Amino acid sequence: MNLFRNWRFGYTKHVVRNVEISAQSPETCLKVARAGLE
């Protein structure tokens, strides 16, 4: 519940983590991009 209340100010760490995960490999990067758009 606390996470839900703070979503407006807590979203940035997830965007950063998305990029860090995408940096693991080109295949992971494109998999993340494809999944997000789909």
Full PDB file with SEQRES, HELIX, SHEET, SSBOND, CRYST1, ORIGX, SCALE, CONECT and MASTER records, all heavy atoms in Angstrom:
SEQRES   1 A   38  MET ASN LEU PHE ARG ASN TRP ARG PHE GLY TYR THR LYS          
SEQRES   2 A   38  HIS VAL VAL ARG ASN VAL GLU ILE SER ALA GLN SER PRO          
SEQRES   3 A   38  GLU THR CYS LEU LYS VAL ALA ARG ALA GLY LEU GLU              
HELIX    1 AA1 ASN A    2  ARG A    5  1                                   4    
HELIX    2 AA2 TRP A    7  GLY A   10  1                                   4    
HELIX    3 AA3 THR A   12  SER A   22  1                                  11    
HELIX    4 AA4 PRO A   26  LEU A   37  1                                  12    
CRYST1    1.000    1.000    1.000  90.00  90.00  90.00 P 1           1          
ORIGX1      1.000000  0.000000  0.000000        0.00000                         
ORIGX2      0.000000  1.000000  0.000000        0.00000                         
ORIGX3      0.000000  0.000000  1.000000        0.00000                         
SCALE1      1.000000  0.000000  0.000000        0.00000                         
SCALE2      0.000000  1.000000  0.000000        0.00000                         
SCALE3      0.000000  0.000000  1.000000        0.00000                         
ATOM      1  N   MET A   1       0.826  -1.206   0.000  1.00  0.00           N  
ATOM      2  CA  MET A   1       0.000   0.000   0.000  1.00  0.00           C  
ATOM      3  C   MET A   1       0.858   1.253   0.000  1.00  0.00           C  
ATOM      4  O   MET A   1       0.580   2.216  -0.683  1.00  0.00           O  
ATOM      5  CB  MET A   1      -0.944  -0.018   1.212  1.00  0.00           C  
ATOM      6  CG  MET A   1      -1.909   1.175   1.266  1.00  0.00           C  
ATOM      7  SD  MET A   1      -3.037   1.200  -0.158  1.00  0.00           S  
ATOM      8  CE  MET A   1      -4.105  -0.176   0.294  1.00  0.00           C  
ATOM      9  N   ASN A   2       1.958   1.218   0.776  1.00  0.00           N  
ATOM     10  CA  ASN A   2       2.846   2.382   0.819  1.00  0.00           C  
ATOM     11  C   ASN A   2       3.472   2.631  -0.545  1.00  0.00           C  
ATOM     12  O   ASN A   2       3.614   3.767  -0.974  1.00  0.00           O  
ATOM     13  CB  ASN A   2       3.940   2.158   1.863  1.00  0.00           C  
ATOM     14  CG  ASN A   2       4.796   3.385   2.061  1.00  0.00           C  
ATOM     15  OD1 ASN A   2       4.274   4.467   2.306  1.00  0.00           O  
ATOM     16  ND2 ASN A   2       6.101   3.227   1.940  1.00  0.00           N  
ATOM     17  N   LEU A   3       3.828   1.537  -1.253  1.00  0.00           N  
ATOM     18  CA  LEU A   3       4.391   1.663  -2.587  1.00  0.00           C  
ATOM     19  C   LEU A   3       3.383   2.314  -3.523  1.00  0.00           C  
ATOM     20  O   LEU A   3       3.725   3.169  -4.346  1.00  0.00           O  
ATOM     21  CB  LEU A   3       4.791   0.285  -3.118  1.00  0.00           C  
ATOM     22  CG  LEU A   3       5.330   0.238  -4.555  1.00  0.00           C  
ATOM     23  CD1 LEU A   3       6.608   1.051  -4.654  1.00  0.00           C  
ATOM     24  CD2 LEU A   3       5.591  -1.192  -4.983  1.00  0.00           C  
ATOM     25  N   PHE A   4       2.110   1.938  -3.403  1.00  0.00           N  
ATOM     26  CA  PHE A   4       1.083   2.498  -4.263  1.00  0.00           C  
ATOM     27  C   PHE A   4       0.927   3.998  -4.015  1.00  0.00           C  
ATOM     28  O   PHE A   4       0.807   4.780  -4.946  1.00  0.00           O  
ATOM     29  CB  PHE A   4      -0.256   1.786  -4.012  1.00  0.00           C  
ATOM     30  CG  PHE A   4      -1.386   2.337  -4.819  1.00  0.00           C  
ATOM     31  CD1 PHE A   4      -1.522   2.000  -6.150  1.00  0.00           C  
ATOM     32  CD2 PHE A   4      -2.321   3.206  -4.253  1.00  0.00           C  
ATOM     33  CE1 PHE A   4      -2.565   2.514  -6.916  1.00  0.00           C  
ATOM     34  CE2 PHE A   4      -3.358   3.712  -5.002  1.00  0.00           C  
ATOM     35  CZ  PHE A   4      -3.484   3.363  -6.340  1.00  0.00           C  
ATOM     36  N   ARG A   5       0.962   4.399  -2.729  1.00  0.00           N  
ATOM     37  CA  ARG A   5       0.802   5.817  -2.407  1.00  0.00           C  
ATOM     38  C   ARG A   5       1.969   6.644  -2.937  1.00  0.00           C  
ATOM     39  O   ARG A   5       1.801   7.810  -3.295  1.00  0.00           O  
ATOM     40  CB  ARG A   5       0.685   6.011  -0.889  1.00  0.00           C  
ATOM     41  CG  ARG A   5      -0.655   5.589  -0.302  1.00  0.00           C  
ATOM     42  CD  ARG A   5      -0.851   6.222   1.074  1.00  0.00           C  
ATOM     43  NE  ARG A   5       0.234   5.882   1.999  1.00  0.00           N  
ATOM     44  CZ  ARG A   5       0.207   4.844   2.831  1.00  0.00           C  
ATOM     45  NH1 ARG A   5      -0.848   4.038   2.826  1.00  0.00           N  
ATOM     46  NH2 ARG A   5       1.209   4.606   3.647  1.00  0.00           N  
ATOM     47  N   ASN A   6       3.154   6.047  -3.006  1.00  0.00           N  
ATOM     48  CA  ASN A   6       4.346   6.789  -3.375  1.00  0.00           C  
ATOM     49  C   ASN A   6       4.756   6.593  -4.835  1.00  0.00           C  
ATOM     50  O   ASN A   6       5.863   6.966  -5.217  1.00  0.00           O  
ATOM     51  CB  ASN A   6       5.513   6.387  -2.473  1.00  0.00           C  
ATOM     52  CG  ASN A   6       5.296   6.827  -1.033  1.00  0.00           C  
ATOM     53  OD1 ASN A   6       4.669   7.844  -0.790  1.00  0.00           O  
ATOM     54  ND2 ASN A   6       5.818   6.056  -0.095  1.00  0.00           N  
ATOM     55  N   TRP A   7       3.866   6.043  -5.654  1.00  0.00           N  
ATOM     56  CA  TRP A   7       4.255   5.746  -7.030  1.00  0.00           C  
ATOM     57  C   TRP A   7       4.686   6.996  -7.776  1.00  0.00           C  
ATOM     58  O   TRP A   7       5.591   6.960  -8.608  1.00  0.00           O  
ATOM     59  CB  TRP A   7       3.102   5.072  -7.776  1.00  0.00           C  
ATOM     60  CG  TRP A   7       1.936   5.997  -8.032  1.00  0.00           C  
ATOM     61  CD1 TRP A   7       0.886   6.239  -7.214  1.00  0.00           C  
ATOM     62  CD2 TRP A   7       1.738   6.819  -9.179  1.00  0.00           C  
ATOM     63  NE1 TRP A   7       0.035   7.158  -7.761  1.00  0.00           N  
ATOM     64  CE2 TRP A   7       0.534   7.536  -8.978  1.00  0.00           C  
ATOM     65  CE3 TRP A   7       2.449   7.035 -10.358  1.00  0.00           C  
ATOM     66  CZ2 TRP A   7       0.024   8.437  -9.904  1.00  0.00           C  
ATOM     67  CZ3 TRP A   7       1.940   7.939 -11.282  1.00  0.00           C  
ATOM     68  CH2 TRP A   7       0.743   8.626 -11.060  1.00  0.00           C  
ATOM     69  N   ARG A   8       4.066   8.119  -7.469  1.00  0.00           N  
ATOM     70  CA  ARG A   8       4.356   9.358  -8.187  1.00  0.00           C  
ATOM     71  C   ARG A   8       5.803   9.802  -7.999  1.00  0.00           C  
ATOM     72  O   ARG A   8       6.372  10.461  -8.868  1.00  0.00           O  
ATOM     73  CB  ARG A   8       3.383  10.453  -7.716  1.00  0.00           C  
ATOM     74  CG  ARG A   8       3.575  11.821  -8.371  1.00  0.00           C  
ATOM     75  CD  ARG A   8       3.321  11.734  -9.868  1.00  0.00           C  
ATOM     76  NE  ARG A   8       3.437  13.035 -10.502  1.00  0.00           N  
ATOM     77  CZ  ARG A   8       4.591  13.645 -10.780  1.00  0.00           C  
ATOM     78  NH1 ARG A   8       5.726  13.061 -10.451  1.00  0.00           N  
ATOM     79  NH2 ARG A   8       4.621  14.812 -11.381  1.00  0.00           N  
ATOM     80  N   PHE A   9       6.408   9.451  -6.878  1.00  0.00           N  
ATOM     81  CA  PHE A   9       7.772   9.873  -6.605  1.00  0.00           C  
ATOM     82  C   PHE A   9       8.757   8.701  -6.612  1.00  0.00           C  
ATOM     83  O   PHE A   9       9.960   8.917  -6.495  1.00  0.00           O  
ATOM     84  CB  PHE A   9       7.836  10.581  -5.249  1.00  0.00           C  
ATOM     85  CG  PHE A   9       6.908  11.764  -5.165  1.00  0.00           C  
ATOM     86  CD1 PHE A   9       5.739  11.700  -4.415  1.00  0.00           C  
ATOM     87  CD2 PHE A   9       7.191  12.921  -5.858  1.00  0.00           C  
ATOM     88  CE1 PHE A   9       4.874  12.784  -4.348  1.00  0.00           C  
ATOM     89  CE2 PHE A   9       6.335  14.014  -5.805  1.00  0.00           C  
ATOM     90  CZ  PHE A   9       5.172  13.947  -5.048  1.00  0.00           C  
ATOM     91  N   GLY A  10       8.261   7.480  -6.785  1.00  0.00           N  
ATOM     92  CA  GLY A  10       9.136   6.322  -6.703  1.00  0.00           C  
ATOM     93  C   GLY A  10       9.365   5.595  -8.009  1.00  0.00           C  
ATOM     94  O   GLY A  10      10.012   4.545  -8.029  1.00  0.00           O  
ATOM     95  N   TYR A  11       8.866   6.163  -9.105  1.00  0.00           N  
ATOM     96  CA  TYR A  11       8.944   5.444 -10.372  1.00  0.00           C  
ATOM     97  C   TYR A  11      10.345   5.459 -10.992  1.00  0.00           C  
ATOM     98  O   TYR A  11      10.699   4.586 -11.792  1.00  0.00           O  
ATOM     99  CB  TYR A  11       7.949   6.034 -11.381  1.00  0.00           C  
ATOM    100  CG  TYR A  11       8.312   7.406 -11.882  1.00  0.00           C  
ATOM    101  CD1 TYR A  11       9.082   7.580 -13.034  1.00  0.00           C  
ATOM    102  CD2 TYR A  11       7.894   8.555 -11.210  1.00  0.00           C  
ATOM    103  CE1 TYR A  11       9.426   8.838 -13.493  1.00  0.00           C  
ATOM    104  CE2 TYR A  11       8.223   9.810 -11.649  1.00  0.00           C  
ATOM    105  CZ  TYR A  11       8.985   9.962 -12.796  1.00  0.00           C  
ATOM    106  OH  TYR A  11       9.321  11.215 -13.241  1.00  0.00           O  
ATOM    107  N   THR A  12      11.161   6.438 -10.619  1.00  0.00           N  
ATOM    108  CA  THR A  12      12.417   6.632 -11.342  1.00  0.00           C  
ATOM    109  C   THR A  12      13.370   5.443 -11.215  1.00  0.00           C  
ATOM    110  O   THR A  12      14.070   5.105 -12.174  1.00  0.00           O  
ATOM    111  CB  THR A  12      13.130   7.910 -10.865  1.00  0.00           C  
ATOM    112  OG1 THR A  12      13.383   7.815  -9.461  1.00  0.00           O  
ATOM    113  CG2 THR A  12      12.268   9.138 -11.124  1.00  0.00           C  
ATOM    114  N   LYS A  13      13.385   4.810 -10.053  1.00  0.00           N  
ATOM    115  CA  LYS A  13      14.320   3.685  -9.869  1.00  0.00           C  
ATOM    116  C   LYS A  13      13.995   2.536 -10.817  1.00  0.00           C  
ATOM    117  O   LYS A  13      14.892   1.783 -11.219  1.00  0.00           O  
ATOM    118  CB  LYS A  13      14.297   3.204  -8.419  1.00  0.00           C  
ATOM    119  CG  LYS A  13      12.967   2.706  -7.908  1.00  0.00           C  
ATOM    120  CD  LYS A  13      13.083   2.261  -6.447  1.00  0.00           C  
ATOM    121  CE  LYS A  13      11.734   1.839  -5.882  1.00  0.00           C  
ATOM    122  NZ  LYS A  13      10.857   3.026  -5.643  1.00  0.00           N  
ATOM    123  N   HIS A  14      12.738   2.402 -11.188  1.00  0.00           N  
ATOM    124  CA  HIS A  14      12.353   1.324 -12.098  1.00  0.00           C  
ATOM    125  C   HIS A  14      12.821   1.630 -13.525  1.00  0.00           C  
ATOM    126  O   HIS A  14      13.176   0.703 -14.277  1.00  0.00           O  
ATOM    127  CB  HIS A  14      10.845   1.133 -12.061  1.00  0.00           C  
ATOM    128  CG  HIS A  14      10.316   0.803 -10.692  1.00  0.00           C  
ATOM    129  ND1 HIS A  14      10.662  -0.356 -10.028  1.00  0.00           N  
ATOM    130  CD2 HIS A  14       9.498   1.501  -9.856  1.00  0.00           C  
ATOM    131  CE1 HIS A  14      10.062  -0.374  -8.835  1.00  0.00           C  
ATOM    132  NE2 HIS A  14       9.363   0.745  -8.715  1.00  0.00           N  
ATOM    133  N   VAL A  15      12.814   2.901 -13.904  1.00  0.00           N  
ATOM    134  CA  VAL A  15      13.311   3.277 -15.229  1.00  0.00           C  
ATOM    135  C   VAL A  15      14.818   3.029 -15.306  1.00  0.00           C  
ATOM    136  O   VAL A  15      15.321   2.487 -16.299  1.00  0.00           O  
ATOM    137  CB  VAL A  15      12.985   4.752 -15.535  1.00  0.00           C  
ATOM    138  CG1 VAL A  15      13.466   5.115 -16.938  1.00  0.00           C  
ATOM    139  CG2 VAL A  15      11.488   5.025 -15.418  1.00  0.00           C  
ATOM    140  N   VAL A  16      15.516   3.408 -14.251  1.00  0.00           N  
ATOM    141  CA  VAL A  16      16.961   3.162 -14.208  1.00  0.00           C  
ATOM    142  C   VAL A  16      17.247   1.658 -14.283  1.00  0.00           C  
ATOM    143  O   VAL A  16      18.126   1.215 -15.027  1.00  0.00           O  
ATOM    144  CB  VAL A  16      17.573   3.764 -12.926  1.00  0.00           C  
ATOM    145  CG1 VAL A  16      19.050   3.384 -12.812  1.00  0.00           C  
ATOM    146  CG2 VAL A  16      17.409   5.279 -12.914  1.00  0.00           C  
ATOM    147  N   ARG A  17      16.493   0.891 -13.529  1.00  0.00           N  
ATOM    148  CA  ARG A  17      16.702  -0.556 -13.516  1.00  0.00           C  
ATOM    149  C   ARG A  17      16.411  -1.163 -14.888  1.00  0.00           C  
ATOM    150  O   ARG A  17      17.084  -2.109 -15.321  1.00  0.00           O  
ATOM    151  CB  ARG A  17      15.808  -1.204 -12.449  1.00  0.00           C  
ATOM    152  CG  ARG A  17      16.041  -2.694 -12.265  1.00  0.00           C  
ATOM    153  CD  ARG A  17      17.458  -2.984 -11.849  1.00  0.00           C  
ATOM    154  NE  ARG A  17      17.711  -4.429 -11.720  1.00  0.00           N  
ATOM    155  CZ  ARG A  17      18.869  -4.998 -11.989  1.00  0.00           C  
ATOM    156  NH1 ARG A  17      19.902  -4.266 -12.387  1.00  0.00           N  
ATOM    157  NH2 ARG A  17      19.015  -6.295 -11.834  1.00  0.00           N  
ATOM    158  N   ASN A  18      15.438  -0.626 -15.593  1.00  0.00           N  
ATOM    159  CA  ASN A  18      15.113  -1.100 -16.935  1.00  0.00           C  
ATOM    160  C   ASN A  18      16.325  -0.972 -17.853  1.00  0.00           C  
ATOM    161  O   ASN A  18      16.633  -1.891 -18.622  1.00  0.00           O  
ATOM    162  CB  ASN A  18      13.935  -0.290 -17.492  1.00  0.00           C  
ATOM    163  CG  ASN A  18      13.554  -0.686 -18.904  1.00  0.00           C  
ATOM    164  OD1 ASN A  18      14.162  -0.232 -19.855  1.00  0.00           O  
ATOM    165  ND2 ASN A  18      12.526  -1.507 -19.032  1.00  0.00           N  
ATOM    166  N   VAL A  19      17.023   0.158 -17.752  1.00  0.00           N  
ATOM    167  CA  VAL A  19      18.209   0.368 -18.587  1.00  0.00           C  
ATOM    168  C   VAL A  19      19.341  -0.542 -18.146  1.00  0.00           C  
ATOM    169  O   VAL A  19      20.054  -1.124 -18.990  1.00  0.00           O  
ATOM    170  CB  VAL A  19      18.640   1.848 -18.538  1.00  0.00           C  
ATOM    171  CG1 VAL A  19      19.960   2.060 -19.279  1.00  0.00           C  
ATOM    172  CG2 VAL A  19      17.560   2.739 -19.135  1.00  0.00           C  
ATOM    173  N   GLU A  20      19.525  -0.712 -16.841  1.00  0.00           N  
ATOM    174  CA  GLU A  20      20.592  -1.584 -16.351  1.00  0.00           C  
ATOM    175  C   GLU A  20      20.381  -3.028 -16.805  1.00  0.00           C  
ATOM    176  O   GLU A  20      21.334  -3.717 -17.201  1.00  0.00           O  
ATOM    177  CB  GLU A  20      20.664  -1.508 -14.832  1.00  0.00           C  
ATOM    178  CG  GLU A  20      21.170  -0.166 -14.319  1.00  0.00           C  
ATOM    179  CD  GLU A  20      21.131  -0.054 -12.807  1.00  0.00           C  
ATOM    180  OE1 GLU A  20      20.353  -0.809 -12.164  1.00  0.00           O  
ATOM    181  OE2 GLU A  20      21.862   0.790 -12.263  1.00  0.00           O  
ATOM    182  N   ILE A  21      19.147  -3.490 -16.757  1.00  0.00           N  
ATOM    183  CA  ILE A  21      18.843  -4.850 -17.227  1.00  0.00           C  
ATOM    184  C   ILE A  21      19.093  -4.954 -18.728  1.00  0.00           C  
ATOM    185  O   ILE A  21      19.656  -5.937 -19.222  1.00  0.00           O  
ATOM    186  CB  ILE A  21      17.387  -5.230 -16.885  1.00  0.00           C  
ATOM    187  CG1 ILE A  21      17.226  -5.391 -15.373  1.00  0.00           C  
ATOM    188  CG2 ILE A  21      16.971  -6.498 -17.611  1.00  0.00           C  
ATOM    189  CD1 ILE A  21      15.788  -5.574 -14.922  1.00  0.00           C  
ATOM    190  N   SER A  22      18.699  -3.912 -19.471  1.00  0.00           N  
ATOM    191  CA  SER A  22      18.883  -3.918 -20.919  1.00  0.00           C  
ATOM    192  C   SER A  22      20.352  -3.953 -21.302  1.00  0.00           C  
ATOM    193  O   SER A  22      20.711  -4.430 -22.387  1.00  0.00           O  
ATOM    194  CB  SER A  22      18.210  -2.682 -21.529  1.00  0.00           C  
ATOM    195  OG  SER A  22      16.805  -2.705 -21.314  1.00  0.00           O  
ATOM    196  N   ALA A  23      21.214  -3.458 -20.424  1.00  0.00           N  
ATOM    197  CA  ALA A  23      22.654  -3.430 -20.706  1.00  0.00           C  
ATOM    198  C   ALA A  23      23.304  -4.795 -20.553  1.00  0.00           C  
ATOM    199  O   ALA A  23      24.480  -4.968 -20.917  1.00  0.00           O  
ATOM    200  CB  ALA A  23      23.336  -2.423 -19.789  1.00  0.00           C  
ATOM    201  N   GLN A  24      22.585  -5.791 -20.054  1.00  0.00           N  
ATOM    202  CA  GLN A  24      23.186  -7.109 -19.819  1.00  0.00           C  
ATOM    203  C   GLN A  24      23.662  -7.761 -21.106  1.00  0.00           C  
ATOM    204  O   GLN A  24      24.688  -8.429 -21.132  1.00  0.00           O  
ATOM    205  CB  GLN A  24      22.179  -8.019 -19.099  1.00  0.00           C  
ATOM    206  CG  GLN A  24      21.904  -7.601 -17.665  1.00  0.00           C  
ATOM    207  CD  GLN A  24      20.878  -8.493 -16.991  1.00  0.00           C  
ATOM    208  OE1 GLN A  24      20.351  -9.431 -17.599  1.00  0.00           O  
ATOM    209  NE2 GLN A  24      20.583  -8.200 -15.728  1.00  0.00           N  
ATOM    210  N   SER A  25      22.892  -7.558 -22.183  1.00  0.00           N  
ATOM    211  CA  SER A  25      23.300  -8.092 -23.480  1.00  0.00           C  
ATOM    212  C   SER A  25      22.412  -7.470 -24.557  1.00  0.00           C  
ATOM    213  O   SER A  25      21.299  -7.012 -24.262  1.00  0.00           O  
ATOM    214  CB  SER A  25      23.145  -9.618 -23.530  1.00  0.00           C  
ATOM    215  OG  SER A  25      21.772  -9.973 -23.533  1.00  0.00           O  
ATOM    216  N   PRO A  26      22.875  -7.439 -25.818  1.00  0.00           N  
ATOM    217  CA  PRO A  26      22.013  -6.933 -26.896  1.00  0.00           C  
ATOM    218  C   PRO A  26      20.700  -7.697 -26.995  1.00  0.00           C  
ATOM    219  O   PRO A  26      19.648  -7.112 -27.261  1.00  0.00           O  
ATOM    220  CB  PRO A  26      22.876  -7.132 -28.149  1.00  0.00           C  
ATOM    221  CG  PRO A  26      24.276  -7.086 -27.650  1.00  0.00           C  
ATOM    222  CD  PRO A  26      24.235  -7.752 -26.299  1.00  0.00           C  
ATOM    223  N   GLU A  27      20.759  -9.005 -26.776  1.00  0.00           N  
ATOM    224  CA  GLU A  27      19.547  -9.817 -26.860  1.00  0.00           C  
ATOM    225  C   GLU A  27      18.552  -9.426 -25.767  1.00  0.00           C  
ATOM    226  O   GLU A  27      17.353  -9.294 -26.022  1.00  0.00           O  
ATOM    227  CB  GLU A  27      19.898 -11.307 -26.725  1.00  0.00           C  
ATOM    228  CG  GLU A  27      20.742 -11.866 -27.859  1.00  0.00           C  
ATOM    229  CD  GLU A  27      22.210 -11.463 -27.783  1.00  0.00           C  
ATOM    230  OE1 GLU A  27      22.667 -11.058 -26.680  1.00  0.00           O  
ATOM    231  OE2 GLU A  27      22.891 -11.517 -28.827  1.00  0.00           O  
ATOM    232  N   THR A  28      19.052  -9.208 -24.556  1.00  0.00           N  
ATOM    233  CA  THR A  28      18.181  -8.785 -23.458  1.00  0.00           C  
ATOM    234  C   THR A  28      17.590  -7.410 -23.739  1.00  0.00           C  
ATOM    235  O   THR A  28      16.407  -7.157 -23.493  1.00  0.00           O  
ATOM    236  CB  THR A  28      18.957  -8.754 -22.134  1.00  0.00           C  
ATOM    237  OG1 THR A  28      19.462 -10.065 -21.854  1.00  0.00           O  
ATOM    238  CG2 THR A  28      18.074  -8.301 -20.987  1.00  0.00           C  
ATOM    239  N   CYS A  29      18.417  -6.515 -24.257  1.00  0.00           N  
ATOM    240  CA  CYS A  29      17.965  -5.169 -24.577  1.00  0.00           C  
ATOM    241  C   CYS A  29      16.784  -5.202 -25.547  1.00  0.00           C  
ATOM    242  O   CYS A  29      15.754  -4.559 -25.323  1.00  0.00           O  
ATOM    243  CB  CYS A  29      19.123  -4.371 -25.190  1.00  0.00           C  
ATOM    244  SG  CYS A  29      18.698  -2.690 -25.674  1.00  0.00           S  
ATOM    245  N   LEU A  30      16.914  -5.950 -26.611  1.00  0.00           N  
ATOM    246  CA  LEU A  30      15.854  -6.013 -27.617  1.00  0.00           C  
ATOM    247  C   LEU A  30      14.639  -6.778 -27.098  1.00  0.00           C  
ATOM    248  O   LEU A  30      13.496  -6.458 -27.461  1.00  0.00           O  
ATOM    249  CB  LEU A  30      16.394  -6.673 -28.889  1.00  0.00           C  
ATOM    250  CG  LEU A  30      17.525  -5.887 -29.585  1.00  0.00           C  
ATOM    251  CD1 LEU A  30      18.063  -6.679 -30.770  1.00  0.00           C  
ATOM    252  CD2 LEU A  30      17.034  -4.517 -30.028  1.00  0.00           C  
ATOM    253  N   LYS A  31      14.871  -7.759 -26.252  1.00  0.00           N  
ATOM    254  CA  LYS A  31      13.753  -8.499 -25.653  1.00  0.00           C  
ATOM    255  C   LYS A  31      12.913  -7.579 -24.782  1.00  0.00           C  
ATOM    256  O   LYS A  31      11.672  -7.607 -24.811  1.00  0.00           O  
ATOM    257  CB  LYS A  31      14.280  -9.676 -24.837  1.00  0.00           C  
ATOM    258  CG  LYS A  31      13.199 -10.577 -24.258  1.00  0.00           C  
ATOM    259  CD  LYS A  31      13.819 -11.758 -23.519  1.00  0.00           C  
ATOM    260  CE  LYS A  31      12.748 -12.672 -22.933  1.00  0.00           C  
ATOM    261  NZ  LYS A  31      13.348 -13.827 -22.206  1.00  0.00           N  
ATOM    262  N   VAL A  32      13.585  -6.743 -23.985  1.00  0.00           N  
ATOM    263  CA  VAL A  32      12.881  -5.779 -23.136  1.00  0.00           C  
ATOM    264  C   VAL A  32      12.100  -4.797 -23.996  1.00  0.00           C  
ATOM    265  O   VAL A  32      10.914  -4.497 -23.724  1.00  0.00           O  
ATOM    266  CB  VAL A  32      13.885  -5.033 -22.230  1.00  0.00           C  
ATOM    267  CG1 VAL A  32      13.217  -3.832 -21.555  1.00  0.00           C  
ATOM    268  CG2 VAL A  32      14.453  -5.973 -21.179  1.00  0.00           C  
ATOM    269  N   ALA A  33      12.734  -4.267 -25.029  1.00  0.00           N  
ATOM    270  CA  ALA A  33      12.077  -3.289 -25.904  1.00  0.00           C  
ATOM    271  C   ALA A  33      10.850  -3.888 -26.583  1.00  0.00           C  
ATOM    272  O   ALA A  33       9.779  -3.272 -26.645  1.00  0.00           O  
ATOM    273  CB  ALA A  33      13.069  -2.787 -26.954  1.00  0.00           C  
ATOM    274  N   ARG A  34      11.011  -5.116 -27.078  1.00  0.00           N  
ATOM    275  CA  ARG A  34       9.908  -5.769 -27.783  1.00  0.00           C  
ATOM    276  C   ARG A  34       8.743  -6.055 -26.830  1.00  0.00           C  
ATOM    277  O   ARG A  34       7.578  -5.823 -27.172  1.00  0.00           O  
ATOM    278  CB  ARG A  34      10.418  -7.073 -28.414  1.00  0.00           C  
ATOM    279  CG  ARG A  34       9.462  -7.697 -29.407  1.00  0.00           C  
ATOM    280  CD  ARG A  34      10.096  -8.907 -30.076  1.00  0.00           C  
ATOM    281  NE  ARG A  34      11.270  -8.534 -30.874  1.00  0.00           N  
ATOM    282  CZ  ARG A  34      12.524  -8.823 -30.545  1.00  0.00           C  
ATOM    283  NH1 ARG A  34      12.788  -9.497 -29.430  1.00  0.00           N  
ATOM    284  NH2 ARG A  34      13.519  -8.450 -31.327  1.00  0.00           N  
ATOM    285  N   ALA A  35       9.067  -6.524 -25.641  1.00  0.00           N  
ATOM    286  CA  ALA A  35       8.017  -6.852 -24.666  1.00  0.00           C  
ATOM    287  C   ALA A  35       7.262  -5.593 -24.245  1.00  0.00           C  
ATOM    288  O   ALA A  35       6.033  -5.609 -24.115  1.00  0.00           O  
ATOM    289  CB  ALA A  35       8.632  -7.539 -23.452  1.00  0.00           C  
ATOM    290  N   GLY A  36       7.992  -4.499 -24.028  1.00  0.00           N  
ATOM    291  CA  GLY A  36       7.347  -3.261 -23.620  1.00  0.00           C  
ATOM    292  C   GLY A  36       6.397  -2.738 -24.671  1.00  0.00           C  
ATOM    293  O   GLY A  36       5.252  -2.352 -24.373  1.00  0.00           O  
ATOM    294  N   LEU A  37       6.829  -2.735 -25.916  1.00  0.00           N  
ATOM    295  CA  LEU A  37       5.981  -2.219 -26.991  1.00  0.00           C  
ATOM    296  C   LEU A  37       4.797  -3.142 -27.265  1.00  0.00           C  
ATOM    297  O   LEU A  37       3.671  -2.674 -27.503  1.00  0.00           O  
ATOM    298  CB  LEU A  37       6.813  -2.040 -28.257  1.00  0.00           C  
ATOM    299  CG  LEU A  37       7.808  -0.870 -28.214  1.00  0.00           C  
ATOM    300  CD1 LEU A  37       8.698  -0.884 -29.454  1.00  0.00           C  
ATOM    301  CD2 LEU A  37       7.081   0.461 -28.098  1.00  0.00           C  
ATOM    302  N   GLU A  38       5.031  -4.449 -27.225  1.00  0.00           N  
ATOM    303  CA  GLU A  38       3.922  -5.388 -27.450  1.00  0.00           C  
ATOM    304  C   GLU A  38       2.852  -5.228 -26.378  1.00  0.00           C  
ATOM    305  O   GLU A  38       1.646  -5.285 -26.666  1.00  0.00           O  
ATOM    306  CB  GLU A  38       4.449  -6.817 -27.490  1.00  0.00           C  
ATOM    307  CG  GLU A  38       5.219  -7.143 -28.760  1.00  0.00           C  
ATOM    308  CD  GLU A  38       5.783  -8.554 -28.754  1.00  0.00           C  
ATOM    309  OE1 GLU A  38       5.662  -9.252 -27.713  1.00  0.00           O  
ATOM    310  OE2 GLU A  38       6.353  -8.963 -29.790  1.00  0.00           O  
TER     311      GLU A  38                                                      
MASTER        0    0    0    4    0    0    0    6  310    1    0    3          
END                                                                             
